Protein backbone atom coordinates (compact mmCIF):
# COMPACT_ATOMS: atom_id res chain seq x y z
CA UNK A 1 -15.13 31.18 21.07
CA UNK A 2 -14.34 27.50 20.47
CA UNK A 3 -11.22 26.59 18.53
CA UNK A 4 -11.67 25.33 14.97
CA UNK A 5 -11.66 21.60 14.31
CA UNK A 6 -8.62 19.93 12.74
CA UNK A 7 -9.92 18.02 9.71
CA UNK A 8 -7.86 16.05 7.21
CA UNK A 9 -8.44 17.02 3.61
CA UNK A 10 -6.32 14.27 2.04
CA UNK A 11 -3.02 12.41 2.39
CA UNK A 12 -0.08 11.19 0.34
CA UNK A 13 2.21 8.26 1.06
CA UNK A 14 4.16 7.57 -2.09
CA UNK A 15 7.46 7.10 -3.84
CA UNK A 16 9.51 10.07 -5.03
CA UNK A 17 12.05 10.08 -7.86
CA UNK A 18 14.16 13.05 -6.79
CA UNK A 19 15.91 14.52 -9.84
CA UNK A 20 16.86 17.86 -8.29
CA UNK A 21 20.45 19.04 -8.22
CA UNK A 22 22.27 18.68 -4.93
CA UNK A 23 23.33 15.08 -4.55
CA UNK A 24 20.44 13.48 -2.61
CA UNK A 25 19.52 9.90 -3.60
CA UNK A 26 17.01 9.74 -6.43
CA UNK A 27 14.93 6.94 -4.93
CA UNK A 28 12.97 8.42 -2.03
CA UNK A 29 9.49 8.45 -0.55
CA UNK A 30 7.31 11.00 1.20
CA UNK A 31 4.32 11.44 3.46
CA UNK A 32 1.96 14.39 3.23
CA UNK A 33 -1.24 15.38 4.98
CA UNK A 34 -3.31 18.36 3.92
CA UNK A 35 -5.92 20.04 6.11
CA UNK A 36 -9.10 22.00 5.64
CA UNK A 37 -8.69 25.66 6.66
CA UNK A 38 -9.02 26.40 10.38
CA UNK A 39 -10.40 29.97 10.56
CA UNK A 40 -9.41 31.76 13.74
CA UNK A 41 -6.18 29.86 14.39
CA UNK A 42 -3.23 28.67 12.31
CA UNK A 43 -3.46 24.90 11.93
CA UNK A 44 0.06 24.29 13.35
CA UNK A 45 -1.09 25.86 16.64
CA UNK A 46 -3.76 23.16 16.89
CA UNK A 47 -1.53 20.14 16.16
CA UNK A 48 -0.02 17.99 18.90
CA UNK A 49 1.47 15.19 16.82
CA UNK A 50 1.40 13.67 13.32
CA UNK A 51 2.69 10.15 12.72
CA UNK A 52 2.85 8.03 9.56
CA UNK A 53 2.85 4.24 9.87
CA UNK A 54 3.41 1.49 7.36
CA UNK A 55 4.16 -2.21 6.87
CA UNK A 56 6.52 -4.00 9.25
CA UNK A 57 6.15 -1.47 12.06
CA UNK A 58 7.51 1.41 9.99
CA UNK A 59 6.86 4.76 11.70
CA UNK A 60 7.80 8.36 10.87
CA UNK A 61 6.90 11.49 12.82
CA UNK A 62 6.23 14.83 11.14
CA UNK A 63 7.93 17.88 12.64
CA UNK A 64 5.68 20.78 13.64
CA UNK A 65 7.95 23.36 12.07
CA UNK A 66 8.10 25.45 8.92
CA UNK A 67 9.12 23.31 5.94
CA UNK A 68 12.09 24.41 3.83
CA UNK A 69 14.76 22.88 1.60
CA UNK A 70 17.12 22.43 4.51
CA UNK A 71 14.85 20.28 6.72
CA UNK A 72 12.38 18.67 4.24
CA UNK A 73 10.00 18.08 7.14
CA UNK A 74 7.28 20.42 8.36
CA UNK A 75 4.31 22.54 7.36
CA UNK A 76 3.65 24.61 4.26
CA UNK A 77 1.10 27.43 4.20
CA UNK A 78 -1.08 27.73 1.12
CA UNK A 79 -1.82 31.46 0.97
CA UNK A 80 -4.54 31.04 -1.66
CA UNK A 81 -6.81 28.99 0.61
CA UNK A 82 -5.22 29.94 3.95
CA UNK A 83 -4.73 26.23 4.59
CA UNK A 84 -1.79 24.12 5.71
CA UNK A 85 -0.26 20.87 4.67
CA UNK A 86 2.57 18.92 6.26
CA UNK A 87 5.18 16.98 4.34
CA UNK A 88 8.23 14.88 5.16
CA UNK A 89 10.64 13.70 2.45
CA UNK A 90 12.76 10.64 3.26
CA UNK A 91 15.87 9.80 1.20
CA UNK A 92 15.93 6.14 2.27
CA UNK A 93 14.66 4.57 -0.95
CA UNK A 94 11.26 3.69 -2.37
CA UNK A 95 8.63 2.41 0.06
CA UNK A 96 7.37 -1.18 0.07
CA UNK A 97 3.91 -1.93 -1.20
CA UNK A 98 1.21 -2.02 1.43
CA UNK A 99 -1.13 0.05 3.55
CA UNK A 100 0.10 3.34 5.05
CA UNK A 101 -1.75 5.40 7.64
CA UNK A 102 -1.26 9.00 8.76
CA UNK A 103 -2.61 9.76 12.23
CA UNK A 104 -3.14 13.30 13.47
CA UNK A 105 -3.51 14.12 17.16
CA UNK A 106 -4.82 17.61 17.90
CA UNK A 107 -4.11 19.55 21.06
CA UNK A 108 -7.73 19.19 22.11
CA UNK A 109 -7.18 15.42 22.27
CA UNK A 110 -9.08 14.53 19.11
CA UNK A 111 -7.52 11.99 16.75
CA UNK A 112 -8.08 11.61 13.01
CA UNK A 113 -6.47 9.25 10.54
CA UNK A 114 -6.48 8.38 6.87
CA UNK A 115 -4.99 5.38 5.03
CA UNK A 116 -4.01 4.41 1.50
CA UNK A 117 -2.48 1.44 -0.29
CA UNK A 118 0.83 1.92 -2.12
CA UNK A 119 1.48 0.04 -5.39
CA UNK A 120 4.83 -0.49 -7.16
CA UNK A 121 3.76 -0.77 -10.81
CA UNK A 122 3.19 2.98 -11.43
CA UNK A 123 6.71 3.73 -10.17
CA UNK A 124 8.26 1.23 -12.57
CA UNK A 125 6.26 2.58 -15.51
CA UNK A 126 6.75 6.32 -14.97
CA UNK A 127 10.37 6.25 -13.83
CA UNK A 128 11.37 4.01 -16.75
CA UNK A 129 9.63 6.34 -19.23
CA UNK A 130 11.15 9.42 -17.60
CA UNK A 131 14.68 7.99 -17.69
CA UNK A 132 14.27 7.15 -21.37
CA UNK A 133 12.97 10.58 -22.32
CA UNK A 134 14.75 12.81 -19.81
CA UNK A 135 17.14 14.63 -22.13
CA UNK A 136 14.42 15.40 -24.65
CA UNK A 137 12.24 16.72 -21.84
CA UNK A 138 15.03 18.96 -20.52
CA UNK A 139 15.75 20.26 -24.02
CA UNK A 140 12.07 21.10 -24.53
CA UNK A 141 11.53 23.35 -21.49
CA UNK A 142 10.68 26.99 -22.09
CA UNK A 143 11.32 29.59 -20.93
CA UNK A 144 14.82 28.81 -19.63
CA UNK A 145 18.23 30.44 -19.49
CA UNK A 146 18.91 28.93 -22.89
CA UNK A 147 15.49 29.94 -24.25
CA UNK A 148 14.68 33.19 -22.41
CA UNK A 149 11.63 35.38 -22.99
CA UNK A 150 12.01 37.73 -25.95
CA UNK A 151 12.86 41.38 -25.21
CA UNK A 152 9.62 43.26 -24.67
CA UNK A 153 7.63 40.05 -24.12
CA UNK A 154 4.49 40.54 -21.97
CA UNK A 155 4.74 39.72 -18.26
CA UNK A 156 1.15 38.52 -17.87
CA UNK A 157 -0.22 35.20 -19.14
CA UNK A 158 3.28 33.92 -19.84
CA UNK A 159 3.25 30.43 -21.31
CA UNK A 160 5.64 27.76 -20.07
CA UNK A 161 5.91 24.30 -21.58
CA UNK A 162 7.71 20.99 -21.96
CA UNK A 163 7.41 17.65 -23.75
CA UNK A 164 5.29 15.02 -21.97
CA UNK A 165 5.88 11.32 -21.42
CA UNK A 166 2.80 10.72 -23.56
CA UNK A 167 4.53 12.33 -26.53
CA UNK A 168 7.83 10.53 -25.95
CA UNK A 169 6.94 7.12 -24.51
CA UNK A 170 3.13 6.90 -24.86
CA UNK A 171 2.78 6.89 -21.06
CA UNK A 172 -0.03 8.84 -19.41
CA UNK A 173 0.97 11.08 -16.51
CA UNK A 174 -0.17 14.17 -14.63
CA UNK A 175 1.86 17.37 -14.32
CA UNK A 176 2.10 19.97 -11.54
CA UNK A 177 3.95 23.27 -12.12
CA UNK A 178 5.40 25.46 -9.35
CA UNK A 179 6.97 28.90 -9.89
CA UNK A 180 8.98 30.97 -7.42
CA UNK A 181 11.18 34.02 -7.51
CA UNK A 182 14.87 33.10 -7.44
CA UNK A 183 17.76 32.20 -9.66
CA UNK A 184 18.84 28.97 -7.98
CA UNK A 185 17.43 25.94 -6.19
CA UNK A 186 18.48 27.54 -2.89
CA UNK A 187 16.35 30.60 -3.67
CA UNK A 188 13.26 28.60 -4.64
CA UNK A 189 10.71 29.38 -1.91
CA UNK A 190 8.06 26.70 -1.43
CA UNK A 191 6.32 28.90 1.15
CA UNK A 192 5.91 31.87 -1.20
CA UNK A 193 5.14 30.53 -4.64
CA UNK A 194 4.41 33.11 -7.31
CA UNK A 195 1.98 30.64 -8.88
CA UNK A 196 1.33 26.93 -9.08
CA UNK A 197 -0.89 24.71 -11.16
CA UNK A 198 -2.77 22.93 -8.39
CA UNK A 199 -4.26 19.95 -10.21
CA UNK A 200 -5.52 18.43 -6.94
CA UNK A 201 -7.79 21.41 -6.33
CA UNK A 202 -8.77 21.50 -10.00
CA UNK A 203 -9.87 17.88 -9.68
CA UNK A 204 -11.61 18.09 -6.31
CA UNK A 205 -13.12 21.57 -6.33
CA UNK A 206 -13.20 22.38 -10.03
CA UNK A 207 -14.47 18.87 -10.85
CA UNK A 208 -12.00 18.57 -13.74
CA UNK A 209 -11.45 14.81 -13.66
CA UNK A 210 -8.53 14.99 -16.10
CA UNK A 211 -6.78 18.00 -14.51
CA UNK A 212 -3.07 17.85 -15.35
CA UNK A 213 -3.33 14.76 -17.55
CA UNK A 214 -0.62 14.86 -20.24
CA UNK A 215 -0.42 18.64 -19.70
CA UNK A 216 2.58 20.00 -21.56
CA UNK A 217 1.94 23.72 -21.18
CA UNK A 218 0.61 26.13 -18.59
CA UNK A 219 -0.32 29.79 -18.66
CA UNK A 220 1.13 31.49 -15.59
CA UNK A 221 -1.83 33.20 -13.93
CA UNK A 222 0.21 35.88 -12.19
CA UNK A 223 1.86 39.00 -13.52
CA UNK A 224 5.64 38.66 -13.40
CA UNK A 225 8.05 41.40 -12.41
CA UNK A 226 10.38 42.97 -14.98
CA UNK A 227 14.06 42.01 -14.73
CA UNK A 228 13.30 39.33 -12.13
CA UNK A 229 14.92 35.91 -11.81
CA UNK A 230 12.42 33.04 -11.65
CA UNK A 231 12.74 29.34 -10.90
CA UNK A 232 10.21 26.59 -11.59
CA UNK A 233 9.96 22.84 -11.56
CA UNK A 234 7.51 20.29 -12.88
CA UNK A 235 6.32 17.37 -10.79
CA UNK A 236 5.09 14.32 -12.71
CA UNK A 237 2.65 11.96 -11.00
CA UNK A 238 0.41 9.00 -11.76
CA UNK A 239 -2.73 10.66 -10.35
CA UNK A 240 -4.40 14.01 -9.74
CA UNK A 241 -5.79 12.82 -6.39
CA UNK A 242 -3.35 13.01 -3.48
CA UNK A 243 -4.40 9.74 -1.84
CA UNK A 244 -4.32 7.85 -5.16
CA UNK A 245 -0.76 8.90 -6.02
CA UNK A 246 1.93 6.19 -6.02
CA UNK A 247 4.87 8.09 -7.56
CA UNK A 248 6.03 11.71 -7.88
CA UNK A 249 8.92 12.60 -10.18
CA UNK A 250 10.55 15.89 -9.23
CA UNK A 251 12.12 17.12 -12.46
CA UNK A 252 15.15 19.47 -12.38
CA UNK A 253 14.53 23.15 -11.70
CA UNK A 254 14.53 25.52 -14.65
CA UNK A 255 15.45 29.21 -14.52
CA UNK A 256 14.75 32.33 -16.54
CA UNK A 257 14.89 36.10 -16.22
CA UNK A 258 12.09 38.37 -17.41
CA UNK A 259 12.88 41.26 -19.77
């Protein structure tokens, strides 16, 4: 049986405003490449090398290892679609404008690449609006430790919400929600999310062109466990298409415990 083909689904090469706890610089950038599923073999077993290149000879190599909070470079397995995506976060400031290319070399010798053009203006607009409204956004999150679920509250179809930049600063943005078991940032498990609001899939597969736009509430489509600690964070972007994204704002993690 022939091995499955490694095919790029989409890429990201964009700025990151990193507002997580832990002391890393806020102004960062990242590269990401997502793949179509490869039935019959895990995608990492088929990858020889992944390199991102940008203006002025800039070059970054992805590691072919499991991504976690300690390395910020490697692959993440999406259990819903049995697909993989690779990401590397770099805490060396925002990236210059220009064309960025991610090139993938498979072990069978095939090479695929995808490029995008990075723009600065969305970063200035969204980060400025976020800085101005940050405290009101943090105060609005629910559920949290300060605003926990009521005793006896249902554990299915739990609603979680926040105030948007549209409400505070009249700035359009897209919102991605990720939920994990855990009571701290160290326990947040990107590889085993309880649920996430995948606006990229909603846009591409579900054909919802406005997926995530000014979204200030989600309904968690997974039944939660009683007496369990949970952690979530909201990512704010300027697009719901990976390759059209110029800025991602990683808002601080929030925590709550179910009744």
